[in-house]
Amino acid sequence: MSNKQLITNVGIGLAAASAGILARKTLQKSWEKVTNEPAPKDKGSEDTDLKEAVTWAVVSGIGAGIARMAVQYALDKRKSK
């Protein structure tokens, strides 16, 4: 693998990870607006209802995963041109 390919792969990975983090932060803000409560942070906390923790885990996982996948797809498509 050449240095250029390595740098490109690292850049794609960083962009995808950043997109996932940004998506999660956006979902946290949306959660707070919809539920009028902060997003669950500690799933083991006694203050967090199991249903709420599971819902947040699913929503945030799907949102972050889709964001990472979209960035990866866009960058791969651009790289192939």
C-alpha atoms as a PDB file:
ATOM      1  CA  MET A   1       0.000   0.000   0.000  1.00  0.00           C
ATOM      2  CA  SER A   2       1.416   3.361  -0.979  1.00  0.00           C
ATOM      3  CA  ASN A   3       1.578   6.361   1.328  1.00  0.00           C
ATOM      4  CA  LYS A   4      -1.116   8.115  -0.716  1.00  0.00           C
ATOM      5  CA  GLN A   5      -3.498   5.163  -0.320  1.00  0.00           C
ATOM      6  CA  LEU A   6      -2.762   4.978   3.401  1.00  0.00           C
ATOM      7  CA  ILE A   7      -3.445   8.689   3.880  1.00  0.00           C
ATOM      8  CA  THR A   8      -6.637   8.393   1.846  1.00  0.00           C
ATOM      9  CA  ASN A   9      -7.864   5.426   3.893  1.00  0.00           C
ATOM     10  CA  VAL A  10      -7.070   7.166   7.178  1.00  0.00           C
ATOM     11  CA  GLY A  11      -8.837  10.312   5.951  1.00  0.00           C
ATOM     12  CA  ILE A  12     -11.921   8.330   4.965  1.00  0.00           C
ATOM     13  CA  GLY A  13     -11.953   6.637   8.363  1.00  0.00           C
ATOM     14  CA  LEU A  14     -11.637   9.946  10.203  1.00  0.00           C
ATOM     15  CA  ALA A  15     -14.376  11.522   8.088  1.00  0.00           C
ATOM     16  CA  ALA A  16     -16.714   8.598   8.738  1.00  0.00           C
ATOM     17  CA  ALA A  17     -16.008   8.658  12.487  1.00  0.00           C
ATOM     18  CA  SER A  18     -16.559  12.421  12.586  1.00  0.00           C
ATOM     19  CA  ALA A  19     -19.872  12.022  10.783  1.00  0.00           C
ATOM     20  CA  GLY A  20     -20.958   9.447  13.359  1.00  0.00           C
ATOM     21  CA  ILE A  21     -20.050  11.758  16.245  1.00  0.00           C
ATOM     22  CA  LEU A  22     -21.831  14.706  14.629  1.00  0.00           C
ATOM     23  CA  ALA A  23     -24.920  12.577  14.003  1.00  0.00           C
ATOM     24  CA  ARG A  24     -24.956  11.407  17.621  1.00  0.00           C
ATOM     25  CA  LYS A  25     -24.693  15.013  18.898  1.00  0.00           C
ATOM     26  CA  THR A  26     -27.511  16.066  16.576  1.00  0.00           C
ATOM     27  CA  LEU A  27     -29.638  13.146  17.765  1.00  0.00           C
ATOM     28  CA  GLN A  28     -28.969  14.121  21.401  1.00  0.00           C
ATOM     29  CA  LYS A  29     -30.276  17.642  20.729  1.00  0.00           C
ATOM     30  CA  SER A  30     -33.319  16.256  18.895  1.00  0.00           C
ATOM     31  CA  TRP A  31     -34.005  13.799  21.729  1.00  0.00           C
ATOM     32  CA  GLU A  32     -33.918  16.643  24.246  1.00  0.00           C
ATOM     33  CA  LYS A  33     -36.373  18.714  22.169  1.00  0.00           C
ATOM     34  CA  VAL A  34     -38.798  15.816  21.682  1.00  0.00           C
ATOM     35  CA  THR A  35     -38.723  14.349  25.198  1.00  0.00           C
ATOM     36  CA  ASN A  36     -37.859  17.498  27.195  1.00  0.00           C
ATOM     37  CA  GLU A  37     -35.222  15.362  28.953  1.00  0.00           C
ATOM     38  CA  PRO A  38     -31.541  14.809  28.278  1.00  0.00           C
ATOM     39  CA  ALA A  39     -30.559  11.736  26.314  1.00  0.00           C
ATOM     40  CA  PRO A  40     -29.650   8.794  28.562  1.00  0.00           C
ATOM     41  CA  LYS A  41     -25.900   8.699  29.192  1.00  0.00           C
ATOM     42  CA  ASP A  42     -25.519   5.969  31.792  1.00  0.00           C
ATOM     43  CA  LYS A  43     -27.630   2.989  30.798  1.00  0.00           C
ATOM     44  CA  GLY A  44     -26.973   1.372  34.175  1.00  0.00           C
ATOM     45  CA  SER A  45     -28.254   4.345  36.154  1.00  0.00           C
ATOM     46  CA  GLU A  46     -31.284   3.845  38.384  1.00  0.00           C
ATOM     47  CA  ASP A  47     -32.728   7.056  36.921  1.00  0.00           C
ATOM     48  CA  THR A  48     -32.815   5.620  33.400  1.00  0.00           C
ATOM     49  CA  ASP A  49     -35.836   3.568  32.419  1.00  0.00           C
ATOM     50  CA  LEU A  50     -34.952   0.407  30.458  1.00  0.00           C
ATOM     51  CA  LYS A  51     -37.356   1.285  27.626  1.00  0.00           C
ATOM     52  CA  GLU A  52     -35.837   4.755  27.332  1.00  0.00           C
ATOM     53  CA  ALA A  53     -32.273   3.378  27.373  1.00  0.00           C
ATOM     54  CA  VAL A  54     -33.049   0.777  24.693  1.00  0.00           C
ATOM     55  CA  THR A  55     -34.859   3.328  22.521  1.00  0.00           C
ATOM     56  CA  TRP A  56     -31.935   5.752  22.780  1.00  0.00           C
ATOM     57  CA  ALA A  57     -29.418   3.000  21.990  1.00  0.00           C
ATOM     58  CA  VAL A  58     -31.331   1.978  18.865  1.00  0.00           C
ATOM     59  CA  VAL A  59     -31.943   5.536  17.640  1.00  0.00           C
ATOM     60  CA  SER A  60     -28.387   6.735  18.245  1.00  0.00           C
ATOM     61  CA  GLY A  61     -26.825   3.564  16.845  1.00  0.00           C
ATOM     62  CA  ILE A  62     -28.848   3.669  13.648  1.00  0.00           C
ATOM     63  CA  GLY A  63     -28.319   7.413  13.187  1.00  0.00           C
ATOM     64  CA  ALA A  64     -24.568   7.278  13.695  1.00  0.00           C
ATOM     65  CA  GLY A  65     -24.260   4.176  11.519  1.00  0.00           C
ATOM     66  CA  ILE A  66     -26.181   5.751   8.653  1.00  0.00           C
ATOM     67  CA  ALA A  67     -24.076   8.919   8.850  1.00  0.00           C
ATOM     68  CA  ARG A  68     -20.817   6.935   8.769  1.00  0.00           C
ATOM     69  CA  MET A  69     -22.085   4.788   5.903  1.00  0.00           C
ATOM     70  CA  ALA A  70     -23.196   7.836   3.881  1.00  0.00           C
ATOM     71  CA  VAL A  71     -19.807   9.515   4.252  1.00  0.00           C
ATOM     72  CA  GLN A  72     -17.993   6.289   3.377  1.00  0.00           C
ATOM     73  CA  TYR A  73     -20.207   5.825   0.322  1.00  0.00           C
ATOM     74  CA  ALA A  74     -19.750   9.410  -0.865  1.00  0.00           C
ATOM     75  CA  LEU A  75     -15.983   9.302  -0.431  1.00  0.00           C
ATOM     76  CA  ASP A  76     -15.671   5.893  -2.107  1.00  0.00           C
ATOM     77  CA  LYS A  77     -17.773   7.097  -5.019  1.00  0.00           C
ATOM     78  CA  ARG A  78     -15.677  10.247  -5.360  1.00  0.00           C
ATOM     79  CA  LYS A  79     -12.436   8.241  -5.112  1.00  0.00           C
ATOM     80  CA  SER A  80     -13.537   5.884  -7.917  1.00  0.00           C
ATOM     81  CA  LYS A  81     -13.979   8.749 -10.427  1.00  0.00           C
END
